[in-house]
């Protein structure tokens, strides 16, 4: 059975901006050619990525506190995070990243043969 705050989010489409921002983040990860393991420790931090990451966190926190103001202790951050994780996983499937096999297969001496 769906919780009241989940119905609230779904009815108002209140997580739309979070989902759109996350989708934009995934597109940047694809553009950079990153793998899922790169997300744990990114090789570098593009400016557009940092701006979107900050926006994502702000929008997520704003929605959580709004829901919390309506539903009080009925919602905790762990439940909210799990709810978002399930929704965002669909975007992960739609925007797959590299498989992580970016290792060079040559000896850097191909021009000297």
N, C-alpha and C. Protein backbone atom coordinates (compact mmCIF):
# COMPACT_ATOMS: atom_id res chain seq x y z
N UNK A 1 0.84 -1.18 0.00
CA UNK A 1 0.00 0.00 0.00
C UNK A 1 0.88 1.25 0.00
N UNK A 2 0.56 2.14 -0.86
CA UNK A 2 1.32 3.38 -1.01
C UNK A 2 1.04 4.31 0.18
N UNK A 3 2.10 4.96 0.62
CA UNK A 3 1.98 5.89 1.74
C UNK A 3 1.35 7.19 1.27
N UNK A 4 0.78 7.93 2.21
CA UNK A 4 0.10 9.18 1.88
C UNK A 4 1.03 10.17 1.19
N UNK A 5 2.25 10.28 1.69
CA UNK A 5 3.17 11.25 1.11
C UNK A 5 3.59 10.84 -0.30
N UNK A 6 3.64 9.54 -0.58
CA UNK A 6 3.94 9.08 -1.93
C UNK A 6 2.79 9.45 -2.88
N UNK A 7 1.56 9.30 -2.40
CA UNK A 7 0.40 9.71 -3.21
C UNK A 7 0.45 11.21 -3.48
N UNK A 8 0.85 11.98 -2.48
CA UNK A 8 0.97 13.42 -2.62
C UNK A 8 1.96 13.77 -3.73
N UNK A 9 3.13 13.12 -3.70
CA UNK A 9 4.15 13.38 -4.73
C UNK A 9 3.63 13.00 -6.10
N UNK A 10 3.04 11.83 -6.19
CA UNK A 10 2.55 11.34 -7.49
C UNK A 10 1.43 12.23 -8.03
N UNK A 11 0.48 12.59 -7.19
CA UNK A 11 -0.66 13.39 -7.61
C UNK A 11 -0.23 14.76 -8.12
N UNK A 12 0.71 15.38 -7.42
CA UNK A 12 1.16 16.73 -7.79
C UNK A 12 2.36 16.73 -8.73
N UNK A 13 2.85 15.53 -9.05
CA UNK A 13 4.05 15.42 -9.88
C UNK A 13 5.18 16.27 -9.27
N UNK A 14 5.26 16.21 -7.93
CA UNK A 14 6.17 17.07 -7.18
C UNK A 14 7.64 16.71 -7.37
N UNK A 15 7.92 15.53 -7.87
CA UNK A 15 9.31 15.12 -8.06
C UNK A 15 9.80 15.34 -9.50
N UNK A 16 9.01 16.03 -10.28
CA UNK A 16 9.34 16.24 -11.69
C UNK A 16 10.70 16.92 -11.87
N UNK A 17 10.97 17.98 -11.12
CA UNK A 17 12.23 18.70 -11.27
C UNK A 17 13.42 17.84 -10.85
N UNK A 18 13.24 17.03 -9.83
CA UNK A 18 14.31 16.13 -9.39
C UNK A 18 14.63 15.14 -10.50
N UNK A 19 13.60 14.56 -11.07
CA UNK A 19 13.77 13.56 -12.13
C UNK A 19 14.43 14.18 -13.35
N UNK A 20 13.98 15.36 -13.74
CA UNK A 20 14.57 16.03 -14.90
C UNK A 20 16.05 16.36 -14.66
N UNK A 21 16.35 16.83 -13.47
CA UNK A 21 17.74 17.17 -13.13
C UNK A 21 18.62 15.92 -13.13
N UNK A 22 18.10 14.84 -12.58
CA UNK A 22 18.87 13.60 -12.56
C UNK A 22 19.12 13.09 -13.98
N UNK A 23 18.12 13.22 -14.83
CA UNK A 23 18.27 12.82 -16.23
C UNK A 23 19.39 13.63 -16.91
N UNK A 24 19.41 14.93 -16.64
CA UNK A 24 20.47 15.79 -17.18
C UNK A 24 21.84 15.36 -16.66
N UNK A 25 21.90 14.99 -15.39
CA UNK A 25 23.17 14.49 -14.83
C UNK A 25 23.62 13.23 -15.55
N UNK A 26 22.71 12.31 -15.78
CA UNK A 26 23.06 11.07 -16.48
C UNK A 26 23.56 11.34 -17.90
N UNK A 27 22.96 12.32 -18.56
CA UNK A 27 23.42 12.69 -19.90
C UNK A 27 24.86 13.22 -19.86
N UNK A 28 25.20 13.96 -18.82
CA UNK A 28 26.58 14.43 -18.68
C UNK A 28 27.51 13.25 -18.45
N UNK A 29 27.09 12.31 -17.62
CA UNK A 29 27.93 11.12 -17.39
C UNK A 29 28.17 10.37 -18.70
N UNK A 30 27.13 10.27 -19.52
CA UNK A 30 27.29 9.62 -20.82
C UNK A 30 28.23 10.41 -21.71
N UNK A 31 28.04 11.73 -21.75
CA UNK A 31 28.88 12.59 -22.58
C UNK A 31 30.36 12.43 -22.23
N UNK A 32 30.63 12.32 -20.94
CA UNK A 32 32.01 12.20 -20.48
C UNK A 32 32.56 10.78 -20.66
N UNK A 33 31.69 9.84 -21.02
CA UNK A 33 32.13 8.47 -21.23
C UNK A 33 32.41 7.72 -19.95
N UNK A 34 31.74 8.12 -18.88
CA UNK A 34 31.98 7.51 -17.58
C UNK A 34 31.24 6.20 -17.41
N UNK A 35 31.74 5.39 -16.50
CA UNK A 35 31.09 4.14 -16.12
C UNK A 35 30.44 4.34 -14.75
N UNK A 36 29.68 3.35 -14.32
CA UNK A 36 29.07 3.42 -12.99
C UNK A 36 30.15 3.52 -11.90
N UNK A 37 31.26 2.83 -12.09
CA UNK A 37 32.33 2.90 -11.08
C UNK A 37 32.98 4.29 -11.06
N UNK A 38 32.99 4.99 -12.19
CA UNK A 38 33.51 6.36 -12.21
C UNK A 38 32.68 7.29 -11.34
N UNK A 39 31.41 6.97 -11.16
CA UNK A 39 30.55 7.83 -10.36
C UNK A 39 30.92 7.79 -8.88
N UNK A 40 31.54 6.69 -8.46
CA UNK A 40 31.98 6.60 -7.07
C UNK A 40 33.16 7.52 -6.79
N UNK A 41 34.03 7.66 -7.78
CA UNK A 41 35.19 8.54 -7.66
C UNK A 41 35.47 9.13 -9.04
N UNK A 42 34.76 10.23 -9.36
CA UNK A 42 34.89 10.81 -10.70
C UNK A 42 36.33 11.23 -11.01
N UNK A 43 36.75 11.03 -12.26
CA UNK A 43 38.11 11.40 -12.65
C UNK A 43 38.31 12.93 -12.67
N UNK A 44 37.25 13.69 -12.83
CA UNK A 44 37.28 15.15 -12.82
C UNK A 44 35.84 15.63 -12.64
N UNK A 45 35.68 16.93 -12.42
CA UNK A 45 34.36 17.48 -12.14
C UNK A 45 34.05 18.64 -13.09
N UNK A 46 33.35 18.37 -14.20
CA UNK A 46 32.96 19.45 -15.11
C UNK A 46 32.04 20.46 -14.39
N UNK A 47 32.14 21.72 -14.80
CA UNK A 47 31.34 22.77 -14.14
C UNK A 47 29.84 22.52 -14.25
N UNK A 48 29.37 22.10 -15.43
CA UNK A 48 27.94 21.87 -15.58
C UNK A 48 27.46 20.73 -14.68
N UNK A 49 28.30 19.74 -14.48
CA UNK A 49 27.98 18.64 -13.59
C UNK A 49 27.83 19.14 -12.15
N UNK A 50 28.75 19.96 -11.72
CA UNK A 50 28.71 20.46 -10.35
C UNK A 50 27.47 21.32 -10.11
N UNK A 51 27.13 22.15 -11.08
CA UNK A 51 25.93 22.98 -10.94
C UNK A 51 24.67 22.12 -10.84
N UNK A 52 24.58 21.11 -11.70
CA UNK A 52 23.40 20.23 -11.66
C UNK A 52 23.36 19.40 -10.39
N UNK A 53 24.51 18.94 -9.93
CA UNK A 53 24.55 18.16 -8.70
C UNK A 53 24.06 19.00 -7.53
N UNK A 54 24.48 20.24 -7.48
CA UNK A 54 24.04 21.15 -6.42
C UNK A 54 22.53 21.40 -6.54
N UNK A 55 22.06 21.60 -7.76
CA UNK A 55 20.62 21.80 -7.98
C UNK A 55 19.84 20.57 -7.55
N UNK A 56 20.32 19.40 -7.92
CA UNK A 56 19.65 18.15 -7.54
C UNK A 56 19.48 18.07 -6.03
N UNK A 57 20.57 18.31 -5.31
CA UNK A 57 20.51 18.24 -3.85
C UNK A 57 19.54 19.26 -3.25
N UNK A 58 19.56 20.46 -3.79
CA UNK A 58 18.67 21.51 -3.28
C UNK A 58 17.20 21.16 -3.53
N UNK A 59 16.91 20.71 -4.73
CA UNK A 59 15.52 20.38 -5.08
C UNK A 59 15.05 19.17 -4.27
N UNK A 60 15.91 18.19 -4.12
CA UNK A 60 15.56 17.00 -3.32
C UNK A 60 15.27 17.40 -1.87
N UNK A 61 16.16 18.18 -1.28
CA UNK A 61 15.98 18.60 0.12
C UNK A 61 14.73 19.46 0.28
N UNK A 62 14.50 20.33 -0.69
CA UNK A 62 13.32 21.20 -0.64
C UNK A 62 12.04 20.36 -0.65
N UNK A 63 11.99 19.37 -1.53
CA UNK A 63 10.81 18.51 -1.59
C UNK A 63 10.65 17.72 -0.30
N UNK A 64 11.74 17.20 0.23
CA UNK A 64 11.66 16.44 1.48
C UNK A 64 11.09 17.30 2.60
N UNK A 65 11.60 18.52 2.75
CA UNK A 65 11.13 19.38 3.83
C UNK A 65 9.68 19.82 3.61
N UNK A 66 9.28 19.97 2.36
CA UNK A 66 7.88 20.30 2.07
C UNK A 66 6.98 19.14 2.47
N UNK A 67 7.36 17.95 2.09
CA UNK A 67 6.58 16.76 2.45
C UNK A 67 6.55 16.60 3.97
N UNK A 68 7.68 16.82 4.58
CA UNK A 68 7.78 16.69 6.04
C UNK A 68 6.86 17.71 6.73
N UNK A 69 6.73 18.91 6.13
CA UNK A 69 5.86 19.92 6.74
C UNK A 69 4.39 19.51 6.67
N UNK A 70 4.02 18.74 5.65
CA UNK A 70 2.64 18.28 5.52
C UNK A 70 2.37 17.00 6.31
N UNK A 71 3.33 16.08 6.29
CA UNK A 71 3.08 14.74 6.83
C UNK A 71 3.86 14.43 8.10
N UNK A 72 4.68 15.35 8.54
CA UNK A 72 5.39 15.19 9.82
C UNK A 72 6.24 13.93 9.88
N UNK A 73 6.12 13.23 10.99
CA UNK A 73 6.95 12.05 11.24
C UNK A 73 6.56 10.84 10.39
N UNK A 74 5.49 10.97 9.62
CA UNK A 74 5.10 9.86 8.75
C UNK A 74 6.18 9.57 7.70
N UNK A 75 6.97 10.57 7.37
CA UNK A 75 8.02 10.40 6.37
C UNK A 75 9.38 10.69 7.01
N UNK A 76 10.30 9.77 6.79
CA UNK A 76 11.68 10.04 7.20
C UNK A 76 12.56 10.04 5.95
N UNK A 77 13.75 10.56 6.09
CA UNK A 77 14.59 10.75 4.91
C UNK A 77 14.96 9.42 4.25
N UNK A 78 15.13 8.38 5.03
CA UNK A 78 15.46 7.07 4.47
C UNK A 78 14.37 6.55 3.54
N UNK A 79 13.11 6.66 3.97
CA UNK A 79 11.99 6.24 3.12
C UNK A 79 11.91 7.10 1.87
N UNK A 80 12.10 8.39 2.06
CA UNK A 80 12.07 9.31 0.93
C UNK A 80 13.18 8.99 -0.07
N UNK A 81 14.38 8.73 0.44
CA UNK A 81 15.51 8.40 -0.42
C UNK A 81 15.26 7.09 -1.18
N UNK A 82 14.67 6.11 -0.51
CA UNK A 82 14.34 4.85 -1.18
C UNK A 82 13.31 5.05 -2.28
N UNK A 83 12.32 5.88 -2.00
CA UNK A 83 11.30 6.20 -3.00
C UNK A 83 11.97 6.81 -4.24
N UNK A 84 12.84 7.80 -4.03
CA UNK A 84 13.52 8.43 -5.16
C UNK A 84 14.44 7.46 -5.88
N UNK A 85 15.14 6.65 -5.12
CA UNK A 85 16.07 5.68 -5.72
C UNK A 85 15.34 4.77 -6.70
N UNK A 86 14.17 4.32 -6.33
CA UNK A 86 13.38 3.45 -7.23
C UNK A 86 12.97 4.19 -8.50
N UNK A 87 12.56 5.44 -8.35
CA UNK A 87 12.16 6.22 -9.52
C UNK A 87 13.36 6.55 -10.41
N UNK A 88 14.48 6.89 -9.80
CA UNK A 88 15.66 7.27 -10.57
C UNK A 88 16.33 6.08 -11.23
N UNK A 89 16.10 4.89 -10.69
CA UNK A 89 16.68 3.69 -11.30
C UNK A 89 16.16 3.50 -12.73
N UNK A 90 14.94 3.91 -12.98
CA UNK A 90 14.37 3.83 -14.33
C UNK A 90 15.19 4.68 -15.30
N UNK A 91 15.65 5.83 -14.83
CA UNK A 91 16.48 6.70 -15.66
C UNK A 91 17.84 6.05 -15.89
N UNK A 92 18.36 5.39 -14.87
CA UNK A 92 19.63 4.67 -15.03
C UNK A 92 19.52 3.65 -16.17
N UNK A 93 18.40 2.98 -16.24
CA UNK A 93 18.20 1.97 -17.29
C UNK A 93 18.06 2.61 -18.67
N UNK A 94 17.46 3.80 -18.71
CA UNK A 94 17.27 4.50 -19.98
C UNK A 94 18.55 5.17 -20.47
N UNK A 95 19.46 5.46 -19.55
CA UNK A 95 20.70 6.16 -19.90
C UNK A 95 21.90 5.36 -19.40
N UNK A 96 22.16 4.22 -20.02
CA UNK A 96 23.26 3.37 -19.55
C UNK A 96 24.62 4.06 -19.74
N UNK A 97 25.52 3.75 -18.83
CA UNK A 97 26.87 4.29 -18.91
C UNK A 97 27.80 3.23 -19.48
N UNK A 98 29.05 3.63 -19.71
CA UNK A 98 30.04 2.67 -20.21
C UNK A 98 30.17 1.51 -19.25
N UNK A 99 30.68 0.42 -19.76
CA UNK A 99 30.83 -0.76 -18.91
C UNK A 99 32.03 -0.70 -17.99
N UNK A 100 32.82 0.36 -18.07
CA UNK A 100 33.95 0.52 -17.16
C UNK A 100 35.25 -0.04 -17.68
N UNK A 101 35.22 -0.62 -18.86
CA UNK A 101 36.43 -1.20 -19.43
C UNK A 101 37.10 -0.18 -20.34
N UNK A 102 37.76 0.80 -19.73
CA UNK A 102 38.42 1.86 -20.49
C UNK A 102 39.93 1.68 -20.55
N UNK A 103 40.38 0.51 -20.20
CA UNK A 103 41.82 0.25 -20.15
C UNK A 103 42.41 0.21 -21.56
N UNK A 104 43.57 0.83 -21.71
CA UNK A 104 44.24 0.81 -23.02
C UNK A 104 44.74 -0.59 -23.32
N UNK A 105 44.65 -0.98 -24.57
CA UNK A 105 45.05 -2.32 -24.98
C UNK A 105 46.38 -2.32 -25.75
N UNK A 106 47.01 -1.15 -25.85
CA UNK A 106 48.27 -1.10 -26.60
C UNK A 106 49.43 -0.76 -25.64
N UNK A 107 50.61 -0.73 -26.20
CA UNK A 107 51.80 -0.46 -25.39
C UNK A 107 52.34 0.95 -25.61
N UNK A 108 51.56 1.81 -26.28
CA UNK A 108 51.96 3.16 -26.59
C UNK A 108 53.08 3.23 -27.62
N UNK A 109 53.47 2.10 -28.19
CA UNK A 109 54.56 2.09 -29.15
C UNK A 109 54.09 1.73 -30.56
N UNK A 110 52.78 1.85 -30.81
CA UNK A 110 52.25 1.44 -32.11
C UNK A 110 52.80 2.26 -33.26
N UNK A 111 53.28 3.47 -33.00
CA UNK A 111 53.84 4.30 -34.06
C UNK A 111 55.29 3.96 -34.37
N UNK A 112 55.91 3.10 -33.58
CA UNK A 112 57.33 2.81 -33.74
C UNK A 112 57.59 1.45 -34.35
N UNK A 113 56.61 0.80 -34.84
CA UNK A 113 56.82 -0.53 -35.41
C UNK A 113 57.27 -0.45 -36.84
